[in-house]
């Protein structure tokens, strides 16, 4: 439950609050989707457009922080509302009131098709009910004036904010969301109860855009020195995790329960068990699958000097081939060229693996 400034009973747990947050979320999601057909330099507006200091927050992030407020509102425990929570509730109420005033049929349709039976009557009195909802929760709208202090002397601006009861920490929470460009990975889960299952499925492309991993980061994780490391990639979040052979052994060790392990080992083992139990995690190919010896042969065959090429190809025959190859490469000033060649081939190999597994990447 969100506790505001006006009373200790918190934000009303009723159809009115649900309707305000639902209408604001859907309105912003519709604008995000429509923006795909707009010129590239056009920035879609979200429901926070009515709060000047927050109007430039990425629309998908606006939906994210609305979902956070929704979950804090539904929680059984009491949460003291932040200035950001207040701004979200204010903007949701204003947006919902505007939609009812301008498009009452659309508002009614959104409320009828929601996951919660809503008994509100969409009439000319509903917009004022939304505004009274915020008034009873928070009261003032001092956060709307924060943008006015942008060009004011910082010391003077802070004195005014102190008079208004706006602390530095509260302002920092508002400013922090301005730097975000992506929604949290669990956004879909946090919108449950506000959007229906069908809506979540329909909006999933907008809410959770495909992850784009860094090819360089994935390559670095896979190319850890030694053969005792295993790297994993989460195809939905792009997260990487590496474990050793010894750490993987504990997964199937019935003689050592997690309770008996040191904290660091227990944490790693628990994490690996969740990785092994999820279809979202994939183990990166090992360097043995890369077949580095064939890459050495390709490099030797690409050397322009015929005499040196033959000498290098002869050197990689039989046992100890890789050591002889590196010694010759060093002696003839080819070692840096070899490492560049190897890195390029490894990147091509890994890029193909990402494509096969349906994972987008950037170089």
Protein backbone atom coordinates (compact mmCIF):
# COMPACT_ATOMS: atom_id res chain seq x y z
CA UNK A 1 0.00 0.00 0.00
CA UNK A 2 1.23 3.49 -0.88
CA UNK A 3 1.02 6.00 1.96
CA UNK A 4 0.82 9.62 0.81
CA UNK A 5 0.95 13.02 2.48
CA UNK A 6 -2.73 13.49 3.23
CA UNK A 7 -3.65 10.52 5.42
CA UNK A 8 -2.38 7.25 6.88
CA UNK A 9 -4.92 5.11 5.03
CA UNK A 10 -2.94 5.27 1.84
CA UNK A 11 -3.92 5.39 -1.82
CA UNK A 12 -7.47 4.11 -2.18
CA UNK A 13 -7.67 0.40 -2.99
CA UNK A 14 -10.60 0.71 -5.36
CA UNK A 15 -11.73 0.80 -8.99
CA UNK A 16 -10.78 4.46 -9.29
CA UNK A 17 -7.07 3.89 -8.65
CA UNK A 18 -7.03 0.81 -10.88
CA UNK A 19 -8.77 2.71 -13.70
CA UNK A 20 -6.40 5.70 -13.50
CA UNK A 21 -3.27 3.56 -13.71
CA UNK A 22 -4.72 1.27 -16.37
CA UNK A 23 -5.82 4.09 -18.67
CA UNK A 24 -2.45 5.86 -18.28
CA UNK A 25 -0.54 2.65 -19.07
CA UNK A 26 -2.61 1.80 -22.16
CA UNK A 27 -2.49 5.37 -23.47
CA UNK A 28 1.31 5.41 -23.26
CA UNK A 29 1.67 1.94 -24.81
CA UNK A 30 -0.56 2.96 -27.73
CA UNK A 31 1.60 6.05 -28.33
CA UNK A 32 4.77 3.94 -28.25
CA UNK A 33 3.34 1.59 -30.85
CA UNK A 34 2.07 4.40 -33.08
CA UNK A 35 5.50 6.06 -32.92
CA UNK A 36 6.88 3.29 -35.15
CA UNK A 37 5.09 5.01 -38.08
CA UNK A 38 6.27 8.53 -37.17
CA UNK A 39 9.43 10.28 -38.42
CA UNK A 40 12.57 9.06 -36.64
CA UNK A 41 13.18 12.36 -34.85
CA UNK A 42 9.68 12.40 -33.35
CA UNK A 43 9.64 11.60 -29.65
CA UNK A 44 6.39 9.99 -28.42
CA UNK A 45 4.85 11.51 -25.30
CA UNK A 46 3.90 9.33 -22.36
CA UNK A 47 1.48 9.91 -19.50
CA UNK A 48 4.20 11.80 -17.55
CA UNK A 49 4.04 14.62 -20.11
CA UNK A 50 1.97 16.59 -17.55
CA UNK A 51 4.99 16.66 -15.17
CA UNK A 52 7.48 18.97 -16.98
CA UNK A 53 10.60 17.67 -15.22
CA UNK A 54 9.71 14.10 -16.28
CA UNK A 55 8.25 14.62 -19.75
CA UNK A 56 11.51 13.54 -21.43
CA UNK A 57 11.67 10.19 -19.62
CA UNK A 58 11.60 7.44 -22.26
CA UNK A 59 7.94 6.33 -22.65
CA UNK A 60 8.76 2.67 -22.01
CA UNK A 61 10.50 3.72 -18.78
CA UNK A 62 7.37 5.68 -17.88
CA UNK A 63 5.38 2.46 -18.13
CA UNK A 64 8.05 0.76 -16.03
CA UNK A 65 7.84 3.22 -13.13
CA UNK A 66 4.03 3.17 -13.36
CA UNK A 67 4.19 -0.62 -12.95
CA UNK A 68 6.42 -0.13 -9.90
CA UNK A 69 3.89 2.25 -8.34
CA UNK A 70 1.10 -0.23 -9.15
CA UNK A 71 2.92 -3.04 -7.36
CA UNK A 72 3.76 -0.88 -4.33
CA UNK A 73 0.08 0.13 -4.23
CA UNK A 74 -1.13 -3.50 -4.28
CA UNK A 75 1.39 -4.75 -1.69
CA UNK A 76 0.09 -5.75 1.75
CA UNK A 77 2.94 -3.92 3.47
CA UNK A 78 2.88 -0.14 3.79
CA UNK A 79 5.22 1.91 1.56
CA UNK A 80 5.83 5.59 2.21
CA UNK A 81 5.26 7.15 -1.20
CA UNK A 82 8.20 8.98 -2.76
CA UNK A 83 7.95 12.18 -4.78
CA UNK A 84 8.30 9.96 -7.87
CA UNK A 85 5.31 7.86 -6.74
CA UNK A 86 3.33 11.07 -6.25
CA UNK A 87 4.25 12.30 -9.73
CA UNK A 88 3.16 8.96 -11.24
CA UNK A 89 -0.21 8.97 -9.46
CA UNK A 90 -0.81 12.62 -10.34
CA UNK A 91 0.05 12.08 -14.02
CA UNK A 92 -2.05 8.89 -14.18
CA UNK A 93 -5.07 10.69 -12.71
CA UNK A 94 -4.66 13.65 -15.08
CA UNK A 95 -4.23 11.38 -18.10
CA UNK A 96 -7.23 9.23 -17.17
CA UNK A 97 -9.35 12.36 -16.64
CA UNK A 98 -8.30 13.70 -20.07
CA UNK A 99 -9.12 10.41 -21.82
CA UNK A 100 -12.59 10.28 -20.25
CA UNK A 101 -13.23 13.91 -21.21
CA UNK A 102 -11.99 13.57 -24.81
CA UNK A 103 -12.66 9.92 -25.66
CA UNK A 104 -15.26 8.52 -23.24
CA UNK A 105 -16.13 5.55 -25.47
CA UNK A 106 -12.49 4.50 -25.69
CA UNK A 107 -12.08 4.86 -21.92
CA UNK A 108 -15.16 2.71 -21.34
CA UNK A 109 -13.88 0.04 -23.70
CA UNK A 110 -10.50 -0.11 -21.94
CA UNK A 111 -12.17 -0.47 -18.53
CA UNK A 112 -14.60 -3.18 -19.69
CA UNK A 113 -11.84 -5.30 -21.28
CA UNK A 114 -9.45 -5.15 -18.32
CA UNK A 115 -8.46 -8.03 -16.04
CA UNK A 116 -10.46 -6.61 -13.10
CA UNK A 117 -14.27 -6.09 -13.17
CA UNK A 118 -14.62 -2.30 -13.03
CA UNK A 119 -17.96 -0.83 -11.92
CA UNK A 120 -17.14 2.81 -12.64
CA UNK A 121 -19.59 4.78 -14.74
CA UNK A 122 -17.84 6.69 -17.51
CA UNK A 123 -19.64 10.02 -17.33
CA UNK A 124 -18.87 13.73 -17.01
CA UNK A 125 -18.29 13.37 -13.26
CA UNK A 126 -15.52 10.75 -13.54
CA UNK A 127 -12.64 13.15 -14.44
CA UNK A 128 -13.21 15.10 -11.23
CA UNK A 129 -13.19 11.83 -9.26
CA UNK A 130 -9.74 11.03 -10.66
CA UNK A 131 -8.44 14.45 -9.63
CA UNK A 132 -9.97 14.15 -6.16
CA UNK A 133 -8.28 10.77 -5.82
CA UNK A 134 -4.86 12.39 -6.13
CA UNK A 135 -5.89 15.29 -3.88
CA UNK A 136 -6.84 12.89 -1.10
CA UNK A 137 -3.56 10.97 -1.55
CA UNK A 138 -0.94 13.71 -1.84
CA UNK A 139 -2.51 17.13 -2.03
CA UNK A 140 0.11 19.48 -3.44
CA UNK A 141 1.73 19.36 -6.90
CA UNK A 142 5.00 21.13 -6.07
CA UNK A 143 6.92 18.60 -8.20
CA UNK A 144 5.31 20.16 -11.28
CA UNK A 145 7.33 23.34 -10.65
CA UNK A 146 10.74 21.66 -10.35
CA UNK A 147 11.67 22.41 -13.96
CA UNK A 148 11.43 26.12 -13.17
CA UNK A 149 14.53 25.82 -10.96
CA UNK A 150 16.76 24.55 -13.78
CA UNK A 151 18.25 27.98 -14.49
CA UNK A 152 18.14 29.22 -10.88
CA UNK A 153 21.22 29.55 -8.68
CA UNK A 154 21.59 26.05 -7.09
CA UNK A 155 21.79 27.38 -3.53
CA UNK A 156 18.73 29.56 -3.99
CA UNK A 157 16.84 26.76 -5.73
CA UNK A 158 17.58 24.39 -2.84
CA UNK A 159 16.31 26.95 -0.31
CA UNK A 160 13.04 27.18 -2.21
CA UNK A 161 12.80 23.39 -2.42
CA UNK A 162 13.40 23.17 1.32
CA UNK A 163 10.49 25.54 1.90
CA UNK A 164 8.36 23.34 -0.35
CA UNK A 165 9.48 20.26 1.56
CA UNK A 166 11.29 18.75 -1.43
CA UNK A 167 14.50 17.05 -0.28
CA UNK A 168 17.64 16.42 -2.37
CA UNK A 169 17.15 12.65 -2.15
CA UNK A 170 13.61 12.94 -3.50
CA UNK A 171 14.77 15.07 -6.41
CA UNK A 172 17.57 12.59 -7.17
CA UNK A 173 14.99 9.80 -7.51
CA UNK A 174 13.15 11.89 -10.05
CA UNK A 175 16.31 12.75 -11.96
CA UNK A 176 17.55 9.14 -11.96
CA UNK A 177 14.78 7.97 -14.28
CA UNK A 178 15.79 10.57 -16.87
CA UNK A 179 18.96 8.62 -17.58
CA UNK A 180 17.20 5.32 -18.21
CA UNK A 181 16.42 4.12 -21.72
CA UNK A 182 15.19 0.56 -21.18
CA UNK A 183 12.51 -1.12 -19.11
CA UNK A 184 13.34 -3.63 -16.39
CA UNK A 185 13.38 -7.32 -17.46
CA UNK A 186 10.44 -8.13 -15.15
CA UNK A 187 8.15 -5.40 -16.49
CA UNK A 188 5.61 -7.86 -17.91
CA UNK A 189 5.29 -9.60 -14.56
CA UNK A 190 4.76 -6.31 -12.71
CA UNK A 191 1.92 -5.29 -15.04
CA UNK A 192 -0.16 -8.33 -14.08
CA UNK A 193 -3.51 -7.25 -12.72
CA UNK A 194 -3.36 -3.98 -14.64
CA UNK A 195 -3.29 -5.49 -18.13
CA UNK A 196 -5.00 -8.74 -19.13
CA UNK A 197 -3.04 -11.80 -20.26
CA UNK A 198 -4.13 -11.13 -23.84
CA UNK A 199 -2.94 -7.53 -23.60
CA UNK A 200 0.39 -8.53 -22.07
CA UNK A 201 0.90 -10.95 -24.95
CA UNK A 202 -0.08 -8.33 -27.52
CA UNK A 203 2.13 -5.64 -25.98
CA UNK A 204 5.08 -7.93 -25.25
CA UNK A 205 6.98 -6.74 -28.34
CA UNK A 206 6.72 -3.17 -27.10
CA UNK A 207 7.23 -3.94 -23.41
CA UNK A 208 10.17 -6.29 -23.77
CA UNK A 209 12.12 -5.52 -26.95
CA UNK A 210 14.54 -8.25 -28.06
CA UNK A 211 17.82 -8.16 -26.19
CA UNK A 212 20.86 -7.13 -28.24
CA UNK A 213 24.08 -8.51 -26.77
CA UNK A 214 27.57 -7.17 -27.27
CA UNK A 215 29.54 -9.58 -29.46
CA UNK A 216 32.73 -8.28 -27.87
CA UNK A 217 31.46 -9.02 -24.33
CA UNK A 218 30.28 -12.50 -25.25
CA UNK A 219 33.57 -13.25 -27.01
CA UNK A 220 35.53 -12.07 -23.96
CA UNK A 221 33.47 -14.33 -21.68
CA UNK A 222 33.93 -17.36 -23.94
CA UNK A 223 37.65 -16.75 -24.51
CA UNK A 224 38.67 -16.99 -20.84
CA UNK A 225 42.18 -18.50 -20.60
CA UNK A 226 42.25 -22.19 -19.73
CA UNK A 227 39.86 -25.08 -20.35
CA UNK A 228 38.21 -25.26 -16.93
CA UNK A 229 35.68 -22.44 -17.43
CA UNK A 230 32.08 -22.63 -18.61
CA UNK A 231 30.28 -19.46 -19.74
CA UNK A 232 26.50 -19.02 -19.87
CA UNK A 233 24.34 -16.41 -21.62
CA UNK A 234 20.74 -15.48 -20.78
CA UNK A 235 19.01 -15.15 -24.13
CA UNK A 236 16.30 -12.85 -22.68
CA UNK A 237 18.40 -10.41 -20.65
CA UNK A 238 21.87 -10.71 -22.22
CA UNK A 239 23.36 -11.46 -18.80
CA UNK A 240 26.61 -13.47 -18.75
CA UNK A 241 27.83 -15.84 -16.03
CA UNK A 242 30.99 -17.95 -15.86
CA UNK A 243 31.69 -20.94 -13.63
CA UNK A 244 34.61 -23.34 -13.17
CA UNK A 245 34.60 -27.14 -13.38
CA UNK A 246 34.91 -27.28 -9.59
CA UNK A 247 31.86 -25.05 -9.10
CA UNK A 248 29.79 -27.17 -11.48
CA UNK A 249 30.70 -30.34 -9.56
CA UNK A 250 28.70 -29.12 -6.54
CA UNK A 251 25.48 -29.12 -8.57
CA UNK A 252 25.24 -32.90 -8.43
CA UNK A 253 26.93 -33.49 -5.09
CA UNK A 254 24.29 -34.98 -2.74
CA UNK A 255 26.82 -35.23 0.11
CA UNK A 256 27.20 -31.48 0.46
CA UNK A 257 23.90 -29.63 1.02
CA UNK A 258 23.86 -25.90 0.35
CA UNK A 259 23.41 -25.20 4.08
CA UNK A 260 26.85 -26.64 4.79
CA UNK A 261 28.64 -24.59 2.12
CA UNK A 262 30.49 -21.30 2.69
CA UNK A 263 28.44 -18.23 1.73
CA UNK A 264 30.32 -17.62 -1.54
CA UNK A 265 29.97 -21.26 -2.60
CA UNK A 266 26.31 -21.44 -1.62
CA UNK A 267 25.51 -18.33 -3.65
CA UNK A 268 27.30 -19.64 -6.75
CA UNK A 269 25.76 -23.11 -6.46
CA UNK A 270 22.27 -21.66 -6.04
CA UNK A 271 22.82 -19.46 -9.09
CA UNK A 272 24.06 -22.36 -11.20
CA UNK A 273 21.08 -24.49 -10.22
CA UNK A 274 18.72 -21.75 -11.35
CA UNK A 275 20.68 -21.47 -14.62
CA UNK A 276 20.51 -25.21 -15.25
CA UNK A 277 16.79 -25.20 -14.48
CA UNK A 278 15.95 -22.42 -16.95
CA UNK A 279 15.47 -22.54 -20.71
CA UNK A 280 16.53 -18.89 -20.87
CA UNK A 281 20.20 -19.73 -20.20
CA UNK A 282 22.46 -21.20 -22.87
CA UNK A 283 26.00 -22.45 -22.37
CA UNK A 284 28.39 -20.73 -24.75
CA UNK A 285 30.36 -23.05 -27.04
CA UNK A 286 33.73 -24.13 -25.69
CA UNK A 287 37.00 -23.30 -27.40
CA UNK A 288 37.28 -26.97 -28.34
CA UNK A 289 34.20 -26.48 -30.55
CA UNK A 290 35.95 -23.53 -32.19
CA UNK A 291 38.68 -25.94 -33.42
CA UNK A 292 41.59 -23.57 -33.12
CA UNK A 293 44.00 -25.95 -34.88
CA UNK A 294 42.08 -25.60 -38.16
CA UNK A 295 42.28 -21.81 -37.74
CA UNK A 296 46.07 -22.12 -37.32
CA UNK A 297 46.20 -24.11 -40.58
CA UNK A 298 44.12 -21.47 -42.39
CA UNK A 299 46.43 -18.73 -41.14
CA UNK A 300 49.55 -20.57 -42.26
CA UNK A 301 47.98 -21.21 -45.67
CA UNK A 302 47.23 -17.48 -46.05
CA UNK A 303 50.88 -16.35 -45.71
CA UNK A 304 51.97 -14.63 -48.93
CA UNK A 305 55.66 -15.62 -48.79
CA UNK A 306 55.75 -19.09 -50.33
CA UNK A 307 58.89 -20.27 -48.54
CA UNK A 308 57.65 -19.11 -45.15
CA UNK A 309 54.19 -20.51 -45.84
CA UNK A 310 55.65 -23.97 -46.50
CA UNK A 311 57.84 -23.75 -43.40
CA UNK A 312 54.82 -22.81 -41.22
CA UNK A 313 52.64 -25.57 -42.68
CA UNK A 314 55.41 -28.08 -42.04
CA UNK A 315 55.78 -26.86 -38.45
CA UNK A 316 52.14 -27.58 -37.53
CA UNK A 317 52.38 -31.28 -38.35
CA UNK A 318 52.67 -33.77 -35.50
CA UNK A 319 52.78 -33.34 -31.74
CA UNK A 320 53.84 -30.01 -30.29
CA UNK A 321 52.54 -28.26 -33.40
CA UNK A 322 51.05 -25.25 -31.65
CA UNK A 323 54.26 -24.47 -29.72
CA UNK A 324 56.35 -24.65 -32.89
CA UNK A 325 53.83 -22.47 -34.73
CA UNK A 326 53.96 -19.72 -32.08
CA UNK A 327 57.77 -19.78 -31.97
CA UNK A 328 57.97 -19.34 -35.75
CA UNK A 329 55.27 -16.65 -35.72
CA UNK A 330 57.27 -14.73 -33.09
CA UNK A 331 60.55 -15.18 -35.00
CA UNK A 332 59.07 -13.85 -38.25
CA UNK A 333 57.03 -11.00 -36.72
CA UNK A 334 53.67 -12.62 -37.43
CA UNK A 335 52.37 -13.09 -33.89
CA UNK A 336 50.25 -9.91 -33.79
CA UNK A 337 48.87 -10.71 -37.22
CA UNK A 338 48.00 -14.22 -35.96
CA UNK A 339 46.10 -12.92 -32.95
CA UNK A 340 44.10 -10.52 -35.14
CA UNK A 341 43.30 -13.35 -37.53
CA UNK A 342 42.27 -15.64 -34.68
CA UNK A 343 40.05 -12.97 -33.06
CA UNK A 344 38.29 -12.29 -36.35
CA UNK A 345 37.63 -15.99 -36.94
CA UNK A 346 36.47 -16.49 -33.35
CA UNK A 347 34.09 -13.51 -33.71
CA UNK A 348 32.66 -15.02 -36.92
CA UNK A 349 32.22 -18.38 -35.20
CA UNK A 350 30.45 -16.81 -32.22
CA UNK A 351 28.29 -14.53 -34.40
CA UNK A 352 27.03 -17.59 -36.28
CA UNK A 353 26.26 -19.33 -32.96
CA UNK A 354 24.24 -16.30 -31.80
CA UNK A 355 22.31 -16.23 -35.10
CA UNK A 356 21.48 -19.94 -34.85
CA UNK A 357 20.11 -19.36 -31.35
CA UNK A 358 18.06 -16.34 -32.39
CA UNK A 359 20.06 -13.80 -30.35
CA UNK A 360 20.61 -10.33 -31.83
CA UNK A 361 24.05 -8.81 -31.37
CA UNK A 362 26.06 -5.68 -32.01
CA UNK A 363 29.77 -5.68 -32.84
